Every structure is written in C-alpha cells, then in structure tokens.
N, C-alpha and C. Protein backbone atom coordinates (compact mmCIF):
# COMPACT_ATOMS: atom_id res chain seq x y z
N MET A 1 109.41 20.71 111.26
CA MET A 1 110.18 21.40 110.26
C MET A 1 109.67 21.02 108.88
N GLU A 2 109.55 21.97 108.02
CA GLU A 2 109.07 21.74 106.66
C GLU A 2 110.27 21.63 105.72
N LYS A 3 110.23 20.63 104.85
CA LYS A 3 111.30 20.43 103.89
C LYS A 3 110.68 20.12 102.54
N ASP A 4 111.09 20.84 101.51
CA ASP A 4 110.58 20.63 100.15
C ASP A 4 109.06 20.72 100.07
N GLY A 5 108.45 21.57 100.89
CA GLY A 5 107.02 21.79 100.82
C GLY A 5 106.15 20.74 101.48
N VAL A 6 106.73 19.81 102.23
CA VAL A 6 105.97 18.75 102.91
C VAL A 6 106.16 18.92 104.40
N SER A 7 105.04 18.85 105.16
CA SER A 7 105.15 18.93 106.61
C SER A 7 104.52 17.69 107.24
N LEU A 8 104.89 17.41 108.47
CA LEU A 8 104.39 16.23 109.16
C LEU A 8 102.88 16.25 109.35
N GLY A 9 102.30 17.44 109.47
CA GLY A 9 100.87 17.55 109.73
C GLY A 9 100.01 17.74 108.50
N GLN A 10 100.57 17.55 107.34
CA GLN A 10 99.87 17.82 106.09
C GLN A 10 99.28 16.55 105.49
N ALA A 11 98.08 16.66 104.96
CA ALA A 11 97.43 15.53 104.29
C ALA A 11 98.14 15.25 102.97
N ALA A 12 98.15 13.96 102.60
CA ALA A 12 98.79 13.57 101.35
C ALA A 12 98.20 12.25 100.87
N VAL A 13 98.42 11.98 99.59
CA VAL A 13 97.99 10.72 98.99
C VAL A 13 99.22 9.83 98.86
N TYR A 14 99.08 8.59 99.33
CA TYR A 14 100.18 7.64 99.33
C TYR A 14 99.81 6.38 98.57
N ARG A 15 100.86 5.70 98.08
CA ARG A 15 100.71 4.35 97.54
C ARG A 15 101.70 3.48 98.33
N ILE A 16 101.17 2.42 98.92
CA ILE A 16 101.97 1.48 99.70
C ILE A 16 101.79 0.10 99.08
N VAL A 17 102.90 -0.55 98.76
CA VAL A 17 102.83 -1.89 98.18
C VAL A 17 103.35 -2.88 99.23
N VAL A 18 102.56 -3.92 99.47
CA VAL A 18 102.94 -4.93 100.45
C VAL A 18 102.94 -6.31 99.79
N GLN A 19 103.71 -7.19 100.37
CA GLN A 19 103.80 -8.56 99.88
C GLN A 19 102.55 -9.33 100.28
N GLY A 20 102.03 -10.15 99.36
CA GLY A 20 100.90 -11.01 99.67
C GLY A 20 99.57 -10.37 99.36
N VAL A 21 98.53 -11.06 99.82
CA VAL A 21 97.16 -10.64 99.55
C VAL A 21 96.50 -10.18 100.84
N LEU A 22 95.97 -8.96 100.84
CA LEU A 22 95.18 -8.47 101.96
C LEU A 22 93.71 -8.51 101.55
N SER A 23 92.86 -8.83 102.49
CA SER A 23 91.43 -8.87 102.20
C SER A 23 90.86 -7.45 102.20
N GLU A 24 89.75 -7.27 101.51
CA GLU A 24 89.09 -5.96 101.47
C GLU A 24 88.72 -5.48 102.87
N SER A 25 88.42 -6.40 103.76
CA SER A 25 88.06 -6.01 105.13
C SER A 25 89.23 -5.38 105.87
N SER A 26 90.46 -5.60 105.40
CA SER A 26 91.63 -4.99 106.02
C SER A 26 91.67 -3.48 105.80
N GLY A 27 90.98 -3.00 104.77
CA GLY A 27 90.99 -1.58 104.45
C GLY A 27 90.55 -0.70 105.60
N ASP A 28 89.59 -1.17 106.40
CA ASP A 28 89.11 -0.39 107.54
C ASP A 28 90.21 -0.21 108.58
N ARG A 29 91.04 -1.23 108.78
CA ARG A 29 92.14 -1.16 109.75
C ARG A 29 93.30 -0.33 109.22
N LEU A 30 93.28 -0.04 107.92
CA LEU A 30 94.41 0.62 107.27
C LEU A 30 94.04 2.00 106.75
N GLY A 31 93.35 2.77 107.56
CA GLY A 31 93.04 4.16 107.23
C GLY A 31 92.07 4.34 106.08
N GLY A 32 91.33 3.29 105.73
CA GLY A 32 90.38 3.39 104.63
C GLY A 32 91.02 3.40 103.25
N LEU A 33 92.28 3.01 103.16
CA LEU A 33 92.96 2.98 101.86
C LEU A 33 92.32 1.95 100.95
N ARG A 34 92.33 2.23 99.65
CA ARG A 34 91.81 1.29 98.65
C ARG A 34 92.85 0.20 98.43
N LEU A 35 92.39 -1.04 98.29
CA LEU A 35 93.28 -2.17 98.09
C LEU A 35 93.10 -2.73 96.70
N ARG A 36 94.24 -3.07 96.06
CA ARG A 36 94.22 -3.72 94.75
C ARG A 36 95.28 -4.81 94.76
N VAL A 37 94.88 -6.03 94.44
CA VAL A 37 95.79 -7.17 94.42
C VAL A 37 96.29 -7.37 92.99
N GLY A 38 97.59 -7.61 92.85
CA GLY A 38 98.18 -7.82 91.53
C GLY A 38 99.51 -8.54 91.65
N PRO A 39 100.24 -8.60 90.55
CA PRO A 39 101.54 -9.28 90.57
C PRO A 39 102.54 -8.52 91.43
N GLY A 40 103.41 -9.27 92.10
CA GLY A 40 104.43 -8.67 92.94
C GLY A 40 105.64 -8.23 92.14
N ILE A 41 106.53 -7.52 92.79
CA ILE A 41 107.73 -6.98 92.15
C ILE A 41 108.66 -8.10 91.68
N HIS A 42 108.84 -9.11 92.52
CA HIS A 42 109.74 -10.23 92.20
C HIS A 42 108.96 -11.52 92.08
N GLY A 43 107.83 -11.48 91.42
CA GLY A 43 106.97 -12.65 91.33
C GLY A 43 106.05 -12.70 92.54
N GLY A 44 105.21 -13.70 92.59
CA GLY A 44 104.26 -13.78 93.68
C GLY A 44 103.16 -12.74 93.52
N THR A 45 102.52 -12.45 94.64
CA THR A 45 101.39 -11.52 94.63
C THR A 45 101.66 -10.38 95.60
N ALA A 46 101.16 -9.21 95.25
CA ALA A 46 101.29 -8.03 96.11
C ALA A 46 99.95 -7.32 96.18
N THR A 47 99.77 -6.57 97.26
CA THR A 47 98.60 -5.73 97.41
C THR A 47 99.05 -4.27 97.42
N THR A 48 98.40 -3.44 96.62
CA THR A 48 98.70 -2.01 96.58
C THR A 48 97.60 -1.27 97.33
N LEU A 49 98.00 -0.47 98.31
CA LEU A 49 97.08 0.35 99.08
C LEU A 49 97.27 1.79 98.63
N THR A 50 96.19 2.46 98.27
CA THR A 50 96.29 3.83 97.76
C THR A 50 95.20 4.68 98.41
N GLY A 51 95.57 5.90 98.79
CA GLY A 51 94.57 6.81 99.31
C GLY A 51 95.17 7.96 100.08
N ARG A 52 94.28 8.81 100.55
CA ARG A 52 94.65 10.02 101.27
C ARG A 52 94.72 9.72 102.76
N LEU A 53 95.80 10.16 103.37
CA LEU A 53 95.96 10.08 104.82
C LEU A 53 96.08 11.51 105.35
N ARG A 54 95.50 11.75 106.51
CA ARG A 54 95.39 13.14 106.99
C ARG A 54 96.73 13.76 107.40
N ASP A 55 97.69 12.92 107.81
CA ASP A 55 99.01 13.42 108.20
C ASP A 55 99.97 12.23 108.33
N GLN A 56 101.22 12.52 108.66
CA GLN A 56 102.19 11.43 108.75
C GLN A 56 101.98 10.57 109.99
N ALA A 57 101.29 11.07 110.98
CA ALA A 57 100.95 10.24 112.13
C ALA A 57 100.01 9.11 111.69
N GLN A 58 99.06 9.42 110.81
CA GLN A 58 98.17 8.38 110.31
C GLN A 58 98.94 7.40 109.42
N LEU A 59 99.91 7.89 108.65
CA LEU A 59 100.77 7.01 107.86
C LEU A 59 101.51 6.03 108.77
N ILE A 60 102.08 6.52 109.85
CA ILE A 60 102.79 5.66 110.80
C ILE A 60 101.82 4.65 111.40
N GLY A 61 100.59 5.06 111.68
CA GLY A 61 99.58 4.12 112.19
C GLY A 61 99.31 3.00 111.21
N VAL A 62 99.22 3.32 109.91
CA VAL A 62 99.01 2.30 108.88
C VAL A 62 100.21 1.36 108.84
N LEU A 63 101.42 1.92 108.87
CA LEU A 63 102.62 1.08 108.84
C LEU A 63 102.72 0.19 110.07
N ASN A 64 102.36 0.72 111.24
CA ASN A 64 102.36 -0.10 112.45
C ASN A 64 101.34 -1.23 112.36
N THR A 65 100.18 -0.96 111.78
CA THR A 65 99.17 -2.00 111.61
C THR A 65 99.68 -3.09 110.68
N LEU A 66 100.32 -2.70 109.59
CA LEU A 66 100.89 -3.70 108.68
C LEU A 66 101.94 -4.54 109.39
N TYR A 67 102.75 -3.90 110.22
CA TYR A 67 103.76 -4.62 111.00
C TYR A 67 103.10 -5.62 111.95
N GLU A 68 102.07 -5.17 112.65
CA GLU A 68 101.35 -6.05 113.57
C GLU A 68 100.69 -7.22 112.85
N MET A 69 100.30 -6.99 111.58
CA MET A 69 99.70 -8.05 110.76
C MET A 69 100.77 -8.96 110.16
N ARG A 70 102.05 -8.62 110.38
CA ARG A 70 103.18 -9.38 109.85
C ARG A 70 103.21 -9.37 108.32
N VAL A 71 102.92 -8.20 107.75
CA VAL A 71 102.88 -8.03 106.29
C VAL A 71 104.12 -7.22 105.87
N PRO A 72 105.01 -7.80 105.05
CA PRO A 72 106.19 -7.07 104.60
C PRO A 72 105.82 -5.92 103.66
N VAL A 73 106.38 -4.73 103.93
CA VAL A 73 106.17 -3.56 103.08
C VAL A 73 107.27 -3.54 102.02
N LEU A 74 106.87 -3.44 100.76
CA LEU A 74 107.81 -3.43 99.65
C LEU A 74 108.14 -2.03 99.17
N CYS A 75 107.17 -1.10 99.27
CA CYS A 75 107.37 0.23 98.70
C CYS A 75 106.36 1.21 99.32
N ILE A 76 106.82 2.43 99.59
CA ILE A 76 105.93 3.52 100.03
C ILE A 76 106.24 4.71 99.13
N GLU A 77 105.19 5.28 98.53
CA GLU A 77 105.38 6.39 97.62
C GLU A 77 104.40 7.53 97.93
N LEU A 78 104.94 8.73 98.05
CA LEU A 78 104.11 9.93 98.20
C LEU A 78 103.68 10.36 96.80
N LEU A 79 102.38 10.33 96.54
CA LEU A 79 101.87 10.66 95.21
C LEU A 79 101.53 12.14 95.07
N ARG A 80 100.93 12.71 96.12
CA ARG A 80 100.47 14.10 96.03
C ARG A 80 100.30 14.65 97.43
N VAL A 81 100.67 15.89 97.63
CA VAL A 81 100.44 16.59 98.90
C VAL A 81 99.20 17.43 98.73
N ASP A 82 98.27 17.32 99.68
CA ASP A 82 97.03 18.11 99.61
C ASP A 82 97.16 19.42 100.35
C-alpha cells in the first residue's frame, strides 16, 4: 500500500545515526552507506550512515545488521524518495 507517495519497493536516501564508532569496513555490510563519525546526540560519539537503499527490504537488512552488531540506533530519517 502506498501512503504519502512512498512505497515499500521504492528506492530512497536515508540517514541513520547510531551510537559509537563504526569502522569504514562496516560500510560493505551496511548496504554501501557512507559513514561519518562525529559527536553524539547526548555526548559521546555517533556514526552517521547516509546513502541510497533500493527499497525498504534493504533498509530492514541494514537495521538487522546493526542489531546483530549490537549497535544502538539513535535516529532513522528518510531524506529523499527516488
């Protein structure tokens, strides 16, 4: 079902912020998203992952990988629908 112009099978650009530092080599396991390390929301350090995912199934795959890596997710933002 499509709601507000977004569908499950549509490509989109996302920004995901996680707690802690992820290595650049983690990007391959995370859908090829770009990683940037910076200050966290409540102090500490956070890693921001940004990039295009082909559909929401790939987004769920990225989130499952982060869960398996035991990395807390702080924020997920849809930036643009392709």
